[in-house]
Amino acid sequence: LAFIIGAVAFWVFFRKRGRDSDAATD
């Protein structure tokens, strides 16, 4: 059950990061 909870939480919270993978470097 913990694996399922962790996987869902990971996908929900971090999916936006995937869209921003080309962030600029200062």
PDB file of all heavy atoms in Angstrom:
ATOM      1  N   LEU A   1       0.823  -1.203   0.000  1.00  0.00           N
ATOM      2  CA  LEU A   1       0.000   0.000   0.000  1.00  0.00           C
ATOM      3  C   LEU A   1       0.857   1.252   0.000  1.00  0.00           C
ATOM      4  O   LEU A   1       0.568   2.225  -0.699  1.00  0.00           O
ATOM      5  CB  LEU A   1      -0.927  -0.010   1.220  1.00  0.00           C
ATOM      6  CG  LEU A   1      -1.888   1.195   1.345  1.00  0.00           C
ATOM      7  CD1 LEU A   1      -2.769   1.295   0.106  1.00  0.00           C
ATOM      8  CD2 LEU A   1      -2.735   1.059   2.605  1.00  0.00           C
ATOM      9  N   ALA A   2       1.958   1.208   0.783  1.00  0.00           N
ATOM     10  CA  ALA A   2       2.854   2.368   0.826  1.00  0.00           C
ATOM     11  C   ALA A   2       3.465   2.642  -0.536  1.00  0.00           C
ATOM     12  O   ALA A   2       3.656   3.788  -0.938  1.00  0.00           O
ATOM     13  CB  ALA A   2       3.960   2.125   1.851  1.00  0.00           C
ATOM     14  N   PHE A   3       3.785   1.549  -1.279  1.00  0.00           N
ATOM     15  CA  PHE A   3       4.360   1.726  -2.621  1.00  0.00           C
ATOM     16  C   PHE A   3       3.385   2.459  -3.527  1.00  0.00           C
ATOM     17  O   PHE A   3       3.754   3.361  -4.285  1.00  0.00           O
ATOM     18  CB  PHE A   3       4.708   0.358  -3.211  1.00  0.00           C
ATOM     19  CG  PHE A   3       5.301   0.431  -4.581  1.00  0.00           C
ATOM     20  CD1 PHE A   3       6.656   0.669  -4.732  1.00  0.00           C
ATOM     21  CD2 PHE A   3       4.507   0.292  -5.713  1.00  0.00           C
ATOM     22  CE1 PHE A   3       7.214   0.754  -5.996  1.00  0.00           C
ATOM     23  CE2 PHE A   3       5.051   0.379  -6.978  1.00  0.00           C
ATOM     24  CZ  PHE A   3       6.405   0.604  -7.124  1.00  0.00           C
ATOM     25  N   ILE A   4       2.096   2.077  -3.449  1.00  0.00           N
ATOM     26  CA  ILE A   4       1.080   2.727  -4.281  1.00  0.00           C
ATOM     27  C   ILE A   4       0.944   4.190  -3.903  1.00  0.00           C
ATOM     28  O   ILE A   4       0.903   5.079  -4.753  1.00  0.00           O
ATOM     29  CB  ILE A   4      -0.272   1.994  -4.131  1.00  0.00           C
ATOM     30  CG1 ILE A   4      -0.148   0.563  -4.678  1.00  0.00           C
ATOM     31  CG2 ILE A   4      -1.375   2.737  -4.863  1.00  0.00           C
ATOM     32  CD1 ILE A   4      -1.349  -0.316  -4.382  1.00  0.00           C
ATOM     33  N   ILE A   5       0.879   4.480  -2.574  1.00  0.00           N
ATOM     34  CA  ILE A   5       0.757   5.861  -2.111  1.00  0.00           C
ATOM     35  C   ILE A   5       1.933   6.694  -2.588  1.00  0.00           C
ATOM     36  O   ILE A   5       1.792   7.798  -3.095  1.00  0.00           O
ATOM     37  CB  ILE A   5       0.661   5.910  -0.570  1.00  0.00           C
ATOM     38  CG1 ILE A   5      -0.642   5.266  -0.100  1.00  0.00           C
ATOM     39  CG2 ILE A   5       0.733   7.347  -0.069  1.00  0.00           C
ATOM     40  CD1 ILE A   5      -0.728   5.102   1.405  1.00  0.00           C
ATOM     41  N   GLY A   6       3.145   6.122  -2.417  1.00  0.00           N
ATOM     42  CA  GLY A   6       4.344   6.854  -2.820  1.00  0.00           C
ATOM     43  C   GLY A   6       4.365   7.127  -4.304  1.00  0.00           C
ATOM     44  O   GLY A   6       4.719   8.211  -4.756  1.00  0.00           O
ATOM     45  N   ALA A   7       3.988   6.131  -5.115  1.00  0.00           N
ATOM     46  CA  ALA A   7       4.016   6.303  -6.564  1.00  0.00           C
ATOM     47  C   ALA A   7       3.028   7.369  -7.016  1.00  0.00           C
ATOM     48  O   ALA A   7       3.340   8.214  -7.860  1.00  0.00           O
ATOM     49  CB  ALA A   7       3.712   4.963  -7.240  1.00  0.00           C
ATOM     50  N   VAL A   8       1.808   7.342  -6.446  1.00  0.00           N
ATOM     51  CA  VAL A   8       0.802   8.344  -6.811  1.00  0.00           C
ATOM     52  C   VAL A   8       1.250   9.743  -6.402  1.00  0.00           C
ATOM     53  O   VAL A   8       1.168  10.694  -7.178  1.00  0.00           O
ATOM     54  CB  VAL A   8      -0.557   7.996  -6.155  1.00  0.00           C
ATOM     55  CG1 VAL A   8      -1.541   9.133  -6.355  1.00  0.00           C
ATOM     56  CG2 VAL A   8      -1.105   6.711  -6.753  1.00  0.00           C
ATOM     57  N   ALA A   9       1.765   9.876  -5.142  1.00  0.00           N
ATOM     58  CA  ALA A   9       2.209  11.187  -4.662  1.00  0.00           C
ATOM     59  C   ALA A   9       3.355  11.719  -5.511  1.00  0.00           C
ATOM     60  O   ALA A   9       3.430  12.901  -5.833  1.00  0.00           O
ATOM     61  CB  ALA A   9       2.633  11.091  -3.198  1.00  0.00           C
ATOM     62  N   PHE A  10       4.273  10.812  -5.874  1.00  0.00           N
ATOM     63  CA  PHE A  10       5.416  11.215  -6.705  1.00  0.00           C
ATOM     64  C   PHE A  10       4.929  11.742  -8.049  1.00  0.00           C
ATOM     65  O   PHE A  10       5.353  12.787  -8.524  1.00  0.00           O
ATOM     66  CB  PHE A  10       6.348  10.021  -6.899  1.00  0.00           C
ATOM     67  CG  PHE A  10       7.592  10.341  -7.674  1.00  0.00           C
ATOM     68  CD1 PHE A  10       8.729  10.749  -6.998  1.00  0.00           C
ATOM     69  CD2 PHE A  10       7.615  10.248  -9.048  1.00  0.00           C
ATOM     70  CE1 PHE A  10       9.871  11.065  -7.705  1.00  0.00           C
ATOM     71  CE2 PHE A  10       8.746  10.557  -9.759  1.00  0.00           C
ATOM     72  CZ  PHE A  10       9.879  10.961  -9.093  1.00  0.00           C
ATOM     73  N   TRP A  11       3.997  10.993  -8.700  1.00  0.00           N
ATOM     74  CA  TRP A  11       3.530  11.393 -10.020  1.00  0.00           C
ATOM     75  C   TRP A  11       2.766  12.697  -9.972  1.00  0.00           C
ATOM     76  O   TRP A  11       2.983  13.599 -10.788  1.00  0.00           O
ATOM     77  CB  TRP A  11       2.646  10.292 -10.603  1.00  0.00           C
ATOM     78  CG  TRP A  11       2.130  10.638 -11.985  1.00  0.00           C
ATOM     79  CD1 TRP A  11       2.771  10.504 -13.166  1.00  0.00           C
ATOM     80  CD2 TRP A  11       0.842  11.196 -12.286  1.00  0.00           C
ATOM     81  NE1 TRP A  11       1.983  10.946 -14.191  1.00  0.00           N
ATOM     82  CE2 TRP A  11       0.787  11.377 -13.682  1.00  0.00           C
ATOM     83  CE3 TRP A  11      -0.270  11.562 -11.509  1.00  0.00           C
ATOM     84  CZ2 TRP A  11      -0.331  11.906 -14.316  1.00  0.00           C
ATOM     85  CZ3 TRP A  11      -1.379  12.082 -12.137  1.00  0.00           C
ATOM     86  CH2 TRP A  11      -1.399  12.252 -13.532  1.00  0.00           C
ATOM     87  N   VAL A  12       1.874  12.865  -8.975  1.00  0.00           N
ATOM     88  CA  VAL A  12       1.058  14.079  -8.887  1.00  0.00           C
ATOM     89  C   VAL A  12       1.901  15.310  -8.639  1.00  0.00           C
ATOM     90  O   VAL A  12       1.742  16.341  -9.288  1.00  0.00           O
ATOM     91  CB  VAL A  12      -0.002  13.935  -7.751  1.00  0.00           C
ATOM     92  CG1 VAL A  12      -0.671  15.260  -7.477  1.00  0.00           C
ATOM     93  CG2 VAL A  12      -1.030  12.891  -8.148  1.00  0.00           C
ATOM     94  N   PHE A  13       2.860  15.190  -7.681  1.00  0.00           N
ATOM     95  CA  PHE A  13       3.598  16.403  -7.279  1.00  0.00           C
ATOM     96  C   PHE A  13       4.700  16.786  -8.250  1.00  0.00           C
ATOM     97  O   PHE A  13       4.986  17.940  -8.470  1.00  0.00           O
ATOM     98  CB  PHE A  13       4.190  16.207  -5.875  1.00  0.00           C
ATOM     99  CG  PHE A  13       4.825  17.466  -5.352  1.00  0.00           C
ATOM    100  CD1 PHE A  13       4.035  18.540  -4.990  1.00  0.00           C
ATOM    101  CD2 PHE A  13       6.200  17.568  -5.242  1.00  0.00           C
ATOM    102  CE1 PHE A  13       4.610  19.696  -4.511  1.00  0.00           C
ATOM    103  CE2 PHE A  13       6.773  18.730  -4.779  1.00  0.00           C
ATOM    104  CZ  PHE A  13       5.976  19.789  -4.403  1.00  0.00           C
ATOM    105  N   PHE A  14       5.313  15.769  -8.877  1.00  0.00           N
ATOM    106  CA  PHE A  14       6.492  16.061  -9.680  1.00  0.00           C
ATOM    107  C   PHE A  14       6.229  16.138 -11.186  1.00  0.00           C
ATOM    108  O   PHE A  14       7.155  16.359 -11.950  1.00  0.00           O
ATOM    109  CB  PHE A  14       7.577  15.009  -9.420  1.00  0.00           C
ATOM    110  CG  PHE A  14       8.149  15.095  -8.052  1.00  0.00           C
ATOM    111  CD1 PHE A  14       7.778  14.181  -7.072  1.00  0.00           C
ATOM    112  CD2 PHE A  14       9.033  16.098  -7.710  1.00  0.00           C
ATOM    113  CE1 PHE A  14       8.296  14.272  -5.806  1.00  0.00           C
ATOM    114  CE2 PHE A  14       9.549  16.182  -6.443  1.00  0.00           C
ATOM    115  CZ  PHE A  14       9.183  15.279  -5.487  1.00  0.00           C
ATOM    116  N   ARG A  15       4.970  15.921 -11.641  1.00  0.00           N
ATOM    117  CA  ARG A  15       4.757  15.897 -13.084  1.00  0.00           C
ATOM    118  C   ARG A  15       5.053  17.250 -13.717  1.00  0.00           C
ATOM    119  O   ARG A  15       5.451  17.314 -14.876  1.00  0.00           O
ATOM    120  CB  ARG A  15       3.326  15.473 -13.397  1.00  0.00           C
ATOM    121  CG  ARG A  15       2.247  16.432 -12.883  1.00  0.00           C
ATOM    122  CD  ARG A  15       0.857  15.920 -13.242  1.00  0.00           C
ATOM    123  NE  ARG A  15      -0.183  16.791 -12.736  1.00  0.00           N
ATOM    124  CZ  ARG A  15      -1.469  16.604 -12.970  1.00  0.00           C
ATOM    125  NH1 ARG A  15      -1.852  15.578 -13.699  1.00  0.00           N
ATOM    126  NH2 ARG A  15      -2.361  17.431 -12.482  1.00  0.00           N
ATOM    127  N   LYS A  16       4.891  18.355 -12.964  1.00  0.00           N
ATOM    128  CA  LYS A  16       5.192  19.677 -13.516  1.00  0.00           C
ATOM    129  C   LYS A  16       6.676  19.828 -13.777  1.00  0.00           C
ATOM    130  O   LYS A  16       7.096  20.505 -14.714  1.00  0.00           O
ATOM    131  CB  LYS A  16       4.722  20.769 -12.556  1.00  0.00           C
ATOM    132  CG  LYS A  16       4.978  22.186 -13.093  1.00  0.00           C
ATOM    133  CD  LYS A  16       4.383  23.236 -12.188  1.00  0.00           C
ATOM    134  CE  LYS A  16       4.683  24.629 -12.732  1.00  0.00           C
ATOM    135  NZ  LYS A  16       6.074  24.979 -12.646  1.00  0.00           N
ATOM    136  N   ARG A  17       7.518  19.183 -12.959  1.00  0.00           N
ATOM    137  CA  ARG A  17       8.965  19.311 -13.148  1.00  0.00           C
ATOM    138  C   ARG A  17       9.396  18.774 -14.504  1.00  0.00           C
ATOM    139  O   ARG A  17      10.341  19.272 -15.108  1.00  0.00           O
ATOM    140  CB  ARG A  17       9.721  18.572 -12.052  1.00  0.00           C
ATOM    141  CG  ARG A  17       9.817  19.351 -10.778  1.00  0.00           C
ATOM    142  CD  ARG A  17      10.690  18.643  -9.776  1.00  0.00           C
ATOM    143  NE  ARG A  17      12.093  18.708 -10.168  1.00  0.00           N
ATOM    144  CZ  ARG A  17      13.043  18.041  -9.521  1.00  0.00           C
ATOM    145  NH1 ARG A  17      12.728  17.257  -8.531  1.00  0.00           N
ATOM    146  NH2 ARG A  17      14.302  18.137  -9.895  1.00  0.00           N
ATOM    147  N   GLY A  18       8.703  17.733 -14.985  1.00  0.00           N
ATOM    148  CA  GLY A  18       9.057  17.161 -16.271  1.00  0.00           C
ATOM    149  C   GLY A  18       8.902  18.154 -17.401  1.00  0.00           C
ATOM    150  O   GLY A  18       9.627  18.120 -18.386  1.00  0.00           O
ATOM    151  N   ARG A  19       7.905  19.069 -17.262  1.00  0.00           N
ATOM    152  CA  ARG A  19       7.677  20.050 -18.308  1.00  0.00           C
ATOM    153  C   ARG A  19       8.738  21.136 -18.314  1.00  0.00           C
ATOM    154  O   ARG A  19       8.920  21.839 -19.298  1.00  0.00           O
ATOM    155  CB  ARG A  19       6.300  20.702 -18.107  1.00  0.00           C
ATOM    156  CG  ARG A  19       5.149  19.714 -18.074  1.00  0.00           C
ATOM    157  CD  ARG A  19       3.828  20.471 -18.119  1.00  0.00           C
ATOM    158  NE  ARG A  19       2.725  19.584 -17.833  1.00  0.00           N
ATOM    159  CZ  ARG A  19       1.966  19.694 -16.764  1.00  0.00           C
ATOM    160  NH1 ARG A  19       2.209  20.629 -15.887  1.00  0.00           N
ATOM    161  NH2 ARG A  19       0.983  18.857 -16.558  1.00  0.00           N
ATOM    162  N   ASP A  20       9.411  21.300 -17.168  1.00  0.00           N
ATOM    163  CA  ASP A  20      10.356  22.415 -17.041  1.00  0.00           C
ATOM    164  C   ASP A  20      11.800  21.962 -17.106  1.00  0.00           C
ATOM    165  O   ASP A  20      12.678  22.590 -16.541  1.00  0.00           O
ATOM    166  CB  ASP A  20      10.101  23.144 -15.705  1.00  0.00           C
ATOM    167  CG  ASP A  20       8.728  23.768 -15.662  1.00  0.00           C
ATOM    168  OD1 ASP A  20       8.180  24.109 -16.724  1.00  0.00           O
ATOM    169  OD2 ASP A  20       8.210  23.896 -14.542  1.00  0.00           O
ATOM    170  N   SER A  21      12.089  20.835 -17.764  1.00  0.00           N
ATOM    171  CA  SER A  21      13.437  20.270 -17.745  1.00  0.00           C
ATOM    172  C   SER A  21      14.446  21.114 -18.492  1.00  0.00           C
ATOM    173  O   SER A  21      15.647  20.899 -18.382  1.00  0.00           O
ATOM    174  CB  SER A  21      13.410  18.855 -18.334  1.00  0.00           C
ATOM    175  OG  SER A  21      12.943  18.905 -19.674  1.00  0.00           O
ATOM    176  N   ASP A  22      13.970  22.076 -19.307  1.00  0.00           N
ATOM    177  CA  ASP A  22      14.894  22.914 -20.067  1.00  0.00           C
ATOM    178  C   ASP A  22      15.136  24.243 -19.395  1.00  0.00           C
ATOM    179  O   ASP A  22      15.384  25.259 -20.059  1.00  0.00           O
ATOM    180  CB  ASP A  22      14.333  23.146 -21.483  1.00  0.00           C
ATOM    181  CG  ASP A  22      14.283  21.843 -22.272  1.00  0.00           C
ATOM    182  OD1 ASP A  22      15.183  20.990 -22.077  1.00  0.00           O
ATOM    183  OD2 ASP A  22      13.351  21.680 -23.076  1.00  0.00           O
ATOM    184  N   ALA A  23      15.053  24.302 -18.035  1.00  0.00           N
ATOM    185  CA  ALA A  23      15.254  25.559 -17.314  1.00  0.00           C
ATOM    186  C   ALA A  23      16.629  26.135 -17.609  1.00  0.00           C
ATOM    187  O   ALA A  23      17.597  25.423 -17.755  1.00  0.00           O
ATOM    188  CB  ALA A  23      15.106  25.323 -15.805  1.00  0.00           C
ATOM    189  N   ALA A  24      16.692  27.488 -17.679  1.00  0.00           N
ATOM    190  CA  ALA A  24      17.954  28.160 -18.028  1.00  0.00           C
ATOM    191  C   ALA A  24      18.913  28.139 -16.861  1.00  0.00           C
ATOM    192  O   ALA A  24      18.518  28.066 -15.710  1.00  0.00           O
ATOM    193  CB  ALA A  24      17.661  29.601 -18.443  1.00  0.00           C
ATOM    194  N   THR A  25      20.208  28.216 -17.159  1.00  0.00           N
ATOM    195  CA  THR A  25      21.251  28.257 -16.142  1.00  0.00           C
ATOM    196  C   THR A  25      21.768  29.669 -16.010  1.00  0.00           C
ATOM    197  O   THR A  25      22.194  30.269 -16.983  1.00  0.00           O
ATOM    198  CB  THR A  25      22.407  27.324 -16.528  1.00  0.00           C
ATOM    199  OG1 THR A  25      21.884  26.013 -16.675  1.00  0.00           O
ATOM    200  CG2 THR A  25      23.482  27.336 -15.464  1.00  0.00           C
ATOM    201  N   ASP A  26      21.726  30.215 -14.808  1.00  0.00           N
ATOM    202  CA  ASP A  26      22.208  31.563 -14.552  1.00  0.00           C
ATOM    203  C   ASP A  26      23.735  31.583 -14.590  1.00  0.00           C
ATOM    204  O   ASP A  26      24.390  30.752 -13.987  1.00  0.00           O
ATOM    205  CB  ASP A  26      21.736  32.017 -13.159  1.00  0.00           C
ATOM    206  CG  ASP A  26      22.134  33.436 -12.873  1.00  0.00           C
ATOM    207  OD1 ASP A  26      23.257  33.630 -12.377  1.00  0.00           O
ATOM    208  OD2 ASP A  26      21.326  34.328 -13.146  1.00  0.00           O
TER     209      ASP A  26
END
